[in-house]
């Protein structure tokens, strides 16, 4: 069987992984991204230049969900990463 060279994740699965990595155990969260934007002139040749822009994803992260966000975009940290139970002494 060939070796996999690509893995794809839907946004909710990425959100769950980031919640777990951050050690978050409560709250409703959404995916966020910090973007970089740079204008320039682009084209296949100098006589076909057009104004344009390039955008880069600089960072990805999680953010508490404001009330207006649709529930399909939200992950509850208490469900996907519950706090560890404390041992009784």
PDB file of N, CA and C in Angstrom:
ATOM      1  N   UNK A   1       0.845  -1.165   0.000  1.00  0.00           N
ATOM      2  CA  UNK A   1       0.000   0.000   0.000  1.00  0.00           C
ATOM      3  C   UNK A   1       0.902   1.245   0.000  1.00  0.00           C
ATOM      4  N   UNK A   2       0.582   2.269  -0.816  1.00  0.00           N
ATOM      5  CA  UNK A   2       1.444   3.453  -0.868  1.00  0.00           C
ATOM      6  C   UNK A   2       1.386   4.249   0.433  1.00  0.00           C
ATOM      7  N   UNK A   3       2.477   4.934   0.703  1.00  0.00           N
ATOM      8  CA  UNK A   3       2.558   5.775   1.898  1.00  0.00           C
ATOM      9  C   UNK A   3       1.750   7.052   1.691  1.00  0.00           C
ATOM     10  N   UNK A   4       1.004   7.464   2.707  1.00  0.00           N
ATOM     11  CA  UNK A   4       0.208   8.688   2.609  1.00  0.00           C
ATOM     12  C   UNK A   4       1.134   9.892   2.598  1.00  0.00           C
ATOM     13  N   UNK A   5       0.843  10.857   1.730  1.00  0.00           N
ATOM     14  CA  UNK A   5       1.642  12.074   1.694  1.00  0.00           C
ATOM     15  C   UNK A   5       0.792  13.321   1.904  1.00  0.00           C
ATOM     16  N   UNK A   6      -0.456  13.111   2.311  1.00  0.00           N
ATOM     17  CA  UNK A   6      -1.351  14.231   2.528  1.00  0.00           C
ATOM     18  C   UNK A   6      -2.436  13.836   3.527  1.00  0.00           C
ATOM     19  N   UNK A   7      -2.698  14.708   4.486  1.00  0.00           N
ATOM     20  CA  UNK A   7      -3.772  14.501   5.448  1.00  0.00           C
ATOM     21  C   UNK A   7      -4.611  15.771   5.477  1.00  0.00           C
ATOM     22  N   UNK A   8      -5.913  15.639   5.407  1.00  0.00           N
ATOM     23  CA  UNK A   8      -6.816  16.782   5.438  1.00  0.00           C
ATOM     24  C   UNK A   8      -7.698  16.711   6.674  1.00  0.00           C
ATOM     25  N   UNK A   9      -7.970  17.880   7.270  1.00  0.00           N
ATOM     26  CA  UNK A   9      -8.792  17.954   8.466  1.00  0.00           C
ATOM     27  C   UNK A   9      -9.846  19.036   8.303  1.00  0.00           C
ATOM     28  N   UNK A  10     -11.104  18.738   8.619  1.00  0.00           N
ATOM     29  CA  UNK A  10     -12.121  19.791   8.618  1.00  0.00           C
ATOM     30  C   UNK A  10     -11.853  20.770   9.763  1.00  0.00           C
ATOM     31  N   UNK A  11     -12.410  21.984   9.655  1.00  0.00           N
ATOM     32  CA  UNK A  11     -12.097  23.022  10.644  1.00  0.00           C
ATOM     33  C   UNK A  11     -12.451  22.614  12.075  1.00  0.00           C
ATOM     34  N   UNK A  12     -13.522  21.856  12.272  1.00  0.00           N
ATOM     35  CA  UNK A  12     -13.891  21.462  13.637  1.00  0.00           C
ATOM     36  C   UNK A  12     -12.860  20.503  14.233  1.00  0.00           C
ATOM     37  N   UNK A  13     -12.307  19.635  13.422  1.00  0.00           N
ATOM     38  CA  UNK A  13     -11.288  18.716  13.921  1.00  0.00           C
ATOM     39  C   UNK A  13     -10.003  19.480  14.274  1.00  0.00           C
ATOM     40  N   UNK A  14      -9.628  20.464  13.456  1.00  0.00           N
ATOM     41  CA  UNK A  14      -8.479  21.306  13.792  1.00  0.00           C
ATOM     42  C   UNK A  14      -8.724  22.050  15.096  1.00  0.00           C
ATOM     43  N   UNK A  15      -9.937  22.553  15.255  1.00  0.00           N
ATOM     44  CA  UNK A  15     -10.308  23.269  16.468  1.00  0.00           C
ATOM     45  C   UNK A  15     -10.192  22.362  17.691  1.00  0.00           C
ATOM     46  N   UNK A  16     -10.659  21.134  17.588  1.00  0.00           N
ATOM     47  CA  UNK A  16     -10.544  20.178  18.694  1.00  0.00           C
ATOM     48  C   UNK A  16      -9.082  19.925  19.043  1.00  0.00           C
ATOM     49  N   UNK A  17      -8.222  19.754  18.025  1.00  0.00           N
ATOM     50  CA  UNK A  17      -6.800  19.508  18.272  1.00  0.00           C
ATOM     51  C   UNK A  17      -6.149  20.699  18.968  1.00  0.00           C
ATOM     52  N   UNK A  18      -6.502  21.919  18.550  1.00  0.00           N
ATOM     53  CA  UNK A  18      -5.914  23.111  19.166  1.00  0.00           C
ATOM     54  C   UNK A  18      -6.403  23.295  20.603  1.00  0.00           C
ATOM     55  N   UNK A  19      -7.672  22.974  20.869  1.00  0.00           N
ATOM     56  CA  UNK A  19      -8.213  23.048  22.230  1.00  0.00           C
ATOM     57  C   UNK A  19      -7.437  22.098  23.137  1.00  0.00           C
ATOM     58  N   UNK A  20      -7.209  20.883  22.679  1.00  0.00           N
ATOM     59  CA  UNK A  20      -6.468  19.897  23.473  1.00  0.00           C
ATOM     60  C   UNK A  20      -5.019  20.324  23.677  1.00  0.00           C
ATOM     61  N   UNK A  21      -4.375  20.822  22.629  1.00  0.00           N
ATOM     62  CA  UNK A  21      -2.974  21.257  22.715  1.00  0.00           C
ATOM     63  C   UNK A  21      -2.823  22.421  23.695  1.00  0.00           C
ATOM     64  N   UNK A  22      -3.809  23.325  23.715  1.00  0.00           N
ATOM     65  CA  UNK A  22      -3.764  24.477  24.608  1.00  0.00           C
ATOM     66  C   UNK A  22      -4.154  24.121  26.039  1.00  0.00           C
ATOM     67  N   UNK A  23      -4.680  22.919  26.257  1.00  0.00           N
ATOM     68  CA  UNK A  23      -5.085  22.501  27.601  1.00  0.00           C
ATOM     69  C   UNK A  23      -6.336  23.219  28.097  1.00  0.00           C
ATOM     70  N   UNK A  24      -7.210  23.582  27.172  1.00  0.00           N
ATOM     71  CA  UNK A  24      -8.444  24.289  27.524  1.00  0.00           C
ATOM     72  C   UNK A  24      -9.521  23.266  27.864  1.00  0.00           C
ATOM     73  N   UNK A  25     -10.230  23.469  28.976  1.00  0.00           N
ATOM     74  CA  UNK A  25     -11.234  22.510  29.423  1.00  0.00           C
ATOM     75  C   UNK A  25     -12.639  23.098  29.526  1.00  0.00           C
ATOM     76  N   UNK A  26     -12.794  24.366  29.222  1.00  0.00           N
ATOM     77  CA  UNK A  26     -14.134  24.960  29.305  1.00  0.00           C
ATOM     78  C   UNK A  26     -14.275  26.072  28.272  1.00  0.00           C
ATOM     79  N   UNK A  27     -15.495  26.369  27.950  1.00  0.00           N
ATOM     80  CA  UNK A  27     -15.792  27.458  27.028  1.00  0.00           C
ATOM     81  C   UNK A  27     -16.128  26.965  25.632  1.00  0.00           C
ATOM     82  N   UNK A  28     -16.745  27.860  24.872  1.00  0.00           N
ATOM     83  CA  UNK A  28     -17.108  27.587  23.477  1.00  0.00           C
ATOM     84  C   UNK A  28     -16.126  28.349  22.600  1.00  0.00           C
ATOM     85  N   UNK A  29     -15.521  27.650  21.642  1.00  0.00           N
ATOM     86  CA  UNK A  29     -14.396  28.198  20.886  1.00  0.00           C
ATOM     87  C   UNK A  29     -14.612  28.102  19.384  1.00  0.00           C
ATOM     88  N   UNK A  30     -13.962  29.025  18.647  1.00  0.00           N
ATOM     89  CA  UNK A  30     -13.949  29.010  17.182  1.00  0.00           C
ATOM     90  C   UNK A  30     -12.500  29.119  16.709  1.00  0.00           C
ATOM     91  N   UNK A  31     -12.277  28.769  15.441  1.00  0.00           N
ATOM     92  CA  UNK A  31     -10.951  28.911  14.823  1.00  0.00           C
ATOM     93  C   UNK A  31     -10.750  30.380  14.455  1.00  0.00           C
ATOM     94  N   UNK A  32      -9.528  30.869  14.644  1.00  0.00           N
ATOM     95  CA  UNK A  32      -9.184  32.218  14.218  1.00  0.00           C
ATOM     96  C   UNK A  32      -7.872  32.169  13.435  1.00  0.00           C
ATOM     97  N   UNK A  33      -7.631  33.189  12.623  1.00  0.00           N
ATOM     98  CA  UNK A  33      -6.386  33.272  11.864  1.00  0.00           C
ATOM     99  C   UNK A  33      -5.915  34.720  11.821  1.00  0.00           C
ATOM    100  N   UNK A  34      -4.609  34.918  11.961  1.00  0.00           N
ATOM    101  CA  UNK A  34      -3.988  36.217  11.722  1.00  0.00           C
ATOM    102  C   UNK A  34      -3.455  36.192  10.299  1.00  0.00           C
ATOM    103  N   UNK A  35      -3.850  37.183   9.525  1.00  0.00           N
ATOM    104  CA  UNK A  35      -3.497  37.214   8.116  1.00  0.00           C
ATOM    105  C   UNK A  35      -2.530  38.349   7.823  1.00  0.00           C
ATOM    106  N   UNK A  36      -1.628  38.119   6.878  1.00  0.00           N
ATOM    107  CA  UNK A  36      -0.748  39.158   6.354  1.00  0.00           C
ATOM    108  C   UNK A  36      -1.203  39.493   4.948  1.00  0.00           C
ATOM    109  N   UNK A  37      -1.123  40.756   4.585  1.00  0.00           N
ATOM    110  CA  UNK A  37      -1.626  41.217   3.294  1.00  0.00           C
ATOM    111  C   UNK A  37      -0.574  42.118   2.669  1.00  0.00           C
ATOM    112  N   UNK A  38      -0.257  41.888   1.392  1.00  0.00           N
ATOM    113  CA  UNK A  38       0.745  42.696   0.720  1.00  0.00           C
ATOM    114  C   UNK A  38       0.291  43.021  -0.694  1.00  0.00           C
ATOM    115  N   UNK A  39       0.149  44.318  -1.015  1.00  0.00           N
ATOM    116  CA  UNK A  39      -0.229  44.694  -2.374  1.00  0.00           C
ATOM    117  C   UNK A  39       0.972  44.620  -3.310  1.00  0.00           C
ATOM    118  N   UNK A  40       0.699  44.521  -4.597  1.00  0.00           N
ATOM    119  CA  UNK A  40       1.771  44.488  -5.581  1.00  0.00           C
ATOM    120  C   UNK A  40       1.217  44.465  -6.984  1.00  0.00           C
ATOM    121  N   UNK A  41       2.118  44.411  -7.934  1.00  0.00           N
ATOM    122  CA  UNK A  41       1.739  44.274  -9.338  1.00  0.00           C
ATOM    123  C   UNK A  41       2.105  42.873  -9.782  1.00  0.00           C
ATOM    124  N   UNK A  42       1.145  42.193 -10.398  1.00  0.00           N
ATOM    125  CA  UNK A  42       1.333  40.788 -10.755  1.00  0.00           C
ATOM    126  C   UNK A  42       0.951  40.561 -12.210  1.00  0.00           C
ATOM    127  N   UNK A  43       1.630  39.633 -12.851  1.00  0.00           N
ATOM    128  CA  UNK A  43       1.285  39.251 -14.217  1.00  0.00           C
ATOM    129  C   UNK A  43       2.329  38.323 -14.792  1.00  0.00           C
ATOM    130  N   UNK A  44       1.969  37.632 -15.864  1.00  0.00           N
ATOM    131  CA  UNK A  44       2.907  36.687 -16.471  1.00  0.00           C
ATOM    132  C   UNK A  44       4.053  37.369 -17.214  1.00  0.00           C
ATOM    133  N   UNK A  45       3.867  38.647 -17.583  1.00  0.00           N
ATOM    134  CA  UNK A  45       4.919  39.394 -18.264  1.00  0.00           C
ATOM    135  C   UNK A  45       4.748  40.876 -17.923  1.00  0.00           C
ATOM    136  N   UNK A  46       5.792  41.700 -18.113  1.00  0.00           N
ATOM    137  CA  UNK A  46       5.683  43.112 -17.752  1.00  0.00           C
ATOM    138  C   UNK A  46       4.534  43.851 -18.449  1.00  0.00           C
ATOM    139  N   UNK A  47       4.203  43.494 -19.679  1.00  0.00           N
ATOM    140  CA  UNK A  47       3.117  44.196 -20.377  1.00  0.00           C
ATOM    141  C   UNK A  47       1.722  43.688 -19.975  1.00  0.00           C
ATOM    142  N   UNK A  48       1.658  42.662 -19.135  1.00  0.00           N
ATOM    143  CA  UNK A  48       0.373  42.140 -18.655  1.00  0.00           C
ATOM    144  C   UNK A  48       0.210  42.301 -17.144  1.00  0.00           C
ATOM    145  N   UNK A  49       0.935  43.264 -16.566  1.00  0.00           N
ATOM    146  CA  UNK A  49       0.854  43.494 -15.124  1.00  0.00           C
ATOM    147  C   UNK A  49      -0.502  44.061 -14.740  1.00  0.00           C
ATOM    148  N   UNK A  50      -0.981  43.631 -13.575  1.00  0.00           N
ATOM    149  CA  UNK A  50      -2.227  44.146 -12.998  1.00  0.00           C
ATOM    150  C   UNK A  50      -2.014  44.334 -11.503  1.00  0.00           C
ATOM    151  N   UNK A  51      -2.697  45.333 -10.923  1.00  0.00           N
ATOM    152  CA  UNK A  51      -2.605  45.467  -9.463  1.00  0.00           C
ATOM    153  C   UNK A  51      -3.247  44.257  -8.798  1.00  0.00           C
ATOM    154  N   UNK A  52      -2.693  43.854  -7.686  1.00  0.00           N
ATOM    155  CA  UNK A  52      -3.235  42.700  -6.970  1.00  0.00           C
ATOM    156  C   UNK A  52      -2.724  42.675  -5.549  1.00  0.00           C
ATOM    157  N   UNK A  53      -2.945  41.576  -4.904  1.00  0.00           N
ATOM    158  CA  UNK A  53      -2.512  41.420  -3.520  1.00  0.00           C
ATOM    159  C   UNK A  53      -2.210  39.962  -3.237  1.00  0.00           C
ATOM    160  N   UNK A  54      -1.318  39.758  -2.286  1.00  0.00           N
ATOM    161  CA  UNK A  54      -1.009  38.418  -1.795  1.00  0.00           C
ATOM    162  C   UNK A  54      -1.386  38.374  -0.320  1.00  0.00           C
ATOM    163  N   UNK A  55      -1.967  37.272   0.074  1.00  0.00           N
ATOM    164  CA  UNK A  55      -2.363  37.098   1.462  1.00  0.00           C
ATOM    165  C   UNK A  55      -1.683  35.848   2.007  1.00  0.00           C
ATOM    166  N   UNK A  56      -1.202  35.941   3.249  1.00  0.00           N
ATOM    167  CA  UNK A  56      -0.564  34.798   3.906  1.00  0.00           C
ATOM    168  C   UNK A  56      -1.236  34.558   5.247  1.00  0.00           C
ATOM    169  N   UNK A  57      -1.373  33.298   5.608  1.00  0.00           N
ATOM    170  CA  UNK A  57      -1.850  32.948   6.948  1.00  0.00           C
ATOM    171  C   UNK A  57      -0.621  32.953   7.848  1.00  0.00           C
ATOM    172  N   UNK A  58      -0.565  33.914   8.768  1.00  0.00           N
ATOM    173  CA  UNK A  58       0.594  34.051   9.645  1.00  0.00           C
ATOM    174  C   UNK A  58       0.501  33.161  10.870  1.00  0.00           C
ATOM    175  N   UNK A  59      -0.697  33.046  11.441  1.00  0.00           N
ATOM    176  CA  UNK A  59      -0.907  32.215  12.627  1.00  0.00           C
ATOM    177  C   UNK A  59      -2.341  31.701  12.626  1.00  0.00           C
ATOM    178  N   UNK A  60      -2.525  30.530  13.216  1.00  0.00           N
ATOM    179  CA  UNK A  60      -3.857  29.971  13.435  1.00  0.00           C
ATOM    180  C   UNK A  60      -4.025  29.815  14.938  1.00  0.00           C
ATOM    181  N   UNK A  61      -5.246  29.944  15.409  1.00  0.00           N
ATOM    182  CA  UNK A  61      -5.467  29.808  16.833  1.00  0.00           C
ATOM    183  C   UNK A  61      -6.935  29.581  17.152  1.00  0.00           C
ATOM    184  N   UNK A  62      -7.268  29.711  18.437  1.00  0.00           N
ATOM    185  CA  UNK A  62      -8.649  29.573  18.889  1.00  0.00           C
ATOM    186  C   UNK A  62      -9.059  30.859  19.598  1.00  0.00           C
ATOM    187  N   UNK A  63     -10.339  31.122  19.564  1.00  0.00           N
ATOM    188  CA  UNK A  63     -10.897  32.322  20.188  1.00  0.00           C
ATOM    189  C   UNK A  63     -12.244  31.971  20.771  1.00  0.00           C
ATOM    190  N   UNK A  64     -12.561  32.547  21.942  1.00  0.00           N
ATOM    191  CA  UNK A  64     -13.886  32.323  22.528  1.00  0.00           C
ATOM    192  C   UNK A  64     -14.941  32.785  21.537  1.00  0.00           C
ATOM    193  N   UNK A  65     -15.974  31.990  21.406  1.00  0.00           N
ATOM    194  CA  UNK A  65     -17.023  32.286  20.430  1.00  0.00           C
ATOM    195  C   UNK A  65     -17.966  33.368  20.944  1.00  0.00           C
ATOM    196  N   UNK A  66     -18.137  34.446  20.173  1.00  0.00           N
ATOM    197  CA  UNK A  66     -19.157  35.434  20.547  1.00  0.00           C
ATOM    198  C   UNK A  66     -20.555  34.872  20.278  1.00  0.00           C
ATOM    199  N   UNK A  67     -21.582  35.451  20.879  1.00  0.00           N
ATOM    200  CA  UNK A  67     -22.940  34.890  20.776  1.00  0.00           C
ATOM    201  C   UNK A  67     -23.480  34.772  19.349  1.00  0.00           C
ATOM    202  N   UNK A  68     -23.038  35.638  18.434  1.00  0.00           N
ATOM    203  CA  UNK A  68     -23.618  35.633  17.086  1.00  0.00           C
ATOM    204  C   UNK A  68     -23.054  34.562  16.144  1.00  0.00           C
ATOM    205  N   UNK A  69     -22.057  33.797  16.589  1.00  0.00           N
ATOM    206  CA  UNK A  69     -21.457  32.766  15.734  1.00  0.00           C
ATOM    207  C   UNK A  69     -22.396  31.564  15.633  1.00  0.00           C
ATOM    208  N   UNK A  70     -22.615  31.053  14.406  1.00  0.00           N
ATOM    209  CA  UNK A  70     -23.483  29.878  14.249  1.00  0.00           C
ATOM    210  C   UNK A  70     -22.929  28.667  15.002  1.00  0.00           C
ATOM    211  N   UNK A  71     -23.801  27.856  15.591  1.00  0.00           N
ATOM    212  CA  UNK A  71     -23.340  26.711  16.382  1.00  0.00           C
ATOM    213  C   UNK A  71     -22.506  25.711  15.583  1.00  0.00           C
ATOM    214  N   UNK A  72     -22.673  25.677  14.273  1.00  0.00           N
ATOM    215  CA  UNK A  72     -21.905  24.743  13.435  1.00  0.00           C
ATOM    216  C   UNK A  72     -20.413  25.089  13.412  1.00  0.00           C
ATOM    217  N   UNK A  73     -20.063  26.300  13.820  1.00  0.00           N
ATOM    218  CA  UNK A  73     -18.671  26.741  13.806  1.00  0.00           C
ATOM    219  C   UNK A  73     -17.983  26.584  15.164  1.00  0.00           C
ATOM    220  N   UNK A  74     -18.745  26.191  16.191  1.00  0.00           N
ATOM    221  CA  UNK A  74     -18.273  26.205  17.572  1.00  0.00           C
ATOM    222  C   UNK A  74     -17.970  24.796  18.090  1.00  0.00           C
ATOM    223  N   UNK A  75     -16.940  24.700  18.921  1.00  0.00           N
ATOM    224  CA  UNK A  75     -16.626  23.465  19.639  1.00  0.00           C
ATOM    225  C   UNK A  75     -16.600  23.794  21.131  1.00  0.00           C
ATOM    226  N   UNK A  76     -17.265  22.972  21.916  1.00  0.00           N
ATOM    227  CA  UNK A  76     -17.307  23.132  23.372  1.00  0.00           C
ATOM    228  C   UNK A  76     -16.143  22.361  23.979  1.00  0.00           C
ATOM    229  N   UNK A  77     -15.225  23.075  24.619  1.00  0.00           N
ATOM    230  CA  UNK A  77     -14.033  22.445  25.191  1.00  0.00           C
ATOM    231  C   UNK A  77     -14.380  21.445  26.285  1.00  0.00           C
ATOM    232  N   UNK A  78     -15.456  21.681  27.031  1.00  0.00           N
ATOM    233  CA  UNK A  78     -15.843  20.758  28.099  1.00  0.00           C
ATOM    234  C   UNK A  78     -16.263  19.397  27.537  1.00  0.00           C
ATOM    235  N   UNK A  79     -16.698  19.382  26.287  1.00  0.00           N
ATOM    236  CA  UNK A  79     -17.120  18.125  25.648  1.00  0.00           C
ATOM    237  C   UNK A  79     -15.929  17.408  25.027  1.00  0.00           C
ATOM    238  N   UNK A  80     -15.076  18.128  24.272  1.00  0.00           N
ATOM    239  CA  UNK A  80     -13.976  17.482  23.552  1.00  0.00           C
ATOM    240  C   UNK A  80     -12.719  17.300  24.386  1.00  0.00           C
ATOM    241  N   UNK A  81     -12.587  18.076  25.474  1.00  0.00           N
ATOM    242  CA  UNK A  81     -11.393  17.983  26.324  1.00  0.00           C
ATOM    243  C   UNK A  81     -11.782  18.224  27.781  1.00  0.00           C
ATOM    244  N   UNK A  82     -12.580  17.315  28.368  1.00  0.00           N
ATOM    245  CA  UNK A  82     -13.025  17.524  29.749  1.00  0.00           C
ATOM    246  C   UNK A  82     -11.851  17.587  30.720  1.00  0.00           C
ATOM    247  N   UNK A  83     -12.035  18.361  31.775  1.00  0.00           N
ATOM    248  CA  UNK A  83     -11.011  18.471  32.810  1.00  0.00           C
ATOM    249  C   UNK A  83     -10.793  17.119  33.476  1.00  0.00           C
ATOM    250  N   UNK A  84      -9.559  16.806  33.842  1.00  0.00           N
ATOM    251  CA  UNK A  84      -9.326  15.536  34.537  1.00  0.00           C
ATOM    252  C   UNK A  84     -10.068  15.511  35.873  1.00  0.00           C
ATOM    253  N   UNK A  85     -10.571  14.332  36.209  1.00  0.00           N
ATOM    254  CA  UNK A  85     -11.279  14.194  37.483  1.00  0.00           C
ATOM    255  C   UNK A  85     -10.276  14.179  38.619  1.00  0.00           C
ATOM    256  N   UNK A  86     -10.611  14.896  39.679  1.00  0.00           N
ATOM    257  CA  UNK A  86      -9.730  14.926  40.852  1.00  0.00           C
ATOM    258  C   UNK A  86      -9.938  13.680  41.671  1.00  0.00           C
ATOM    259  N   UNK A  87      -8.815  13.116  42.134  1.00  0.00           N
ATOM    260  CA  UNK A  87      -8.894  11.900  42.942  1.00  0.00           C
ATOM    261  C   UNK A  87      -9.360  12.234  44.352  1.00  0.00           C
ATOM    262  N   UNK A  88     -10.217  11.374  44.890  1.00  0.00           N
ATOM    263  CA  UNK A  88     -10.654  11.543  46.272  1.00  0.00           C
ATOM    264  C   UNK A  88      -9.597  10.968  47.189  1.00  0.00           C
ATOM    265  N   UNK A  89      -9.347  11.652  48.268  1.00  0.00           N
ATOM    266  CA  UNK A  89      -8.319  11.202  49.219  1.00  0.00           C
ATOM    267  C   UNK A  89      -8.955  10.434  50.355  1.00  0.00           C
TER     268      UNK A  89
END
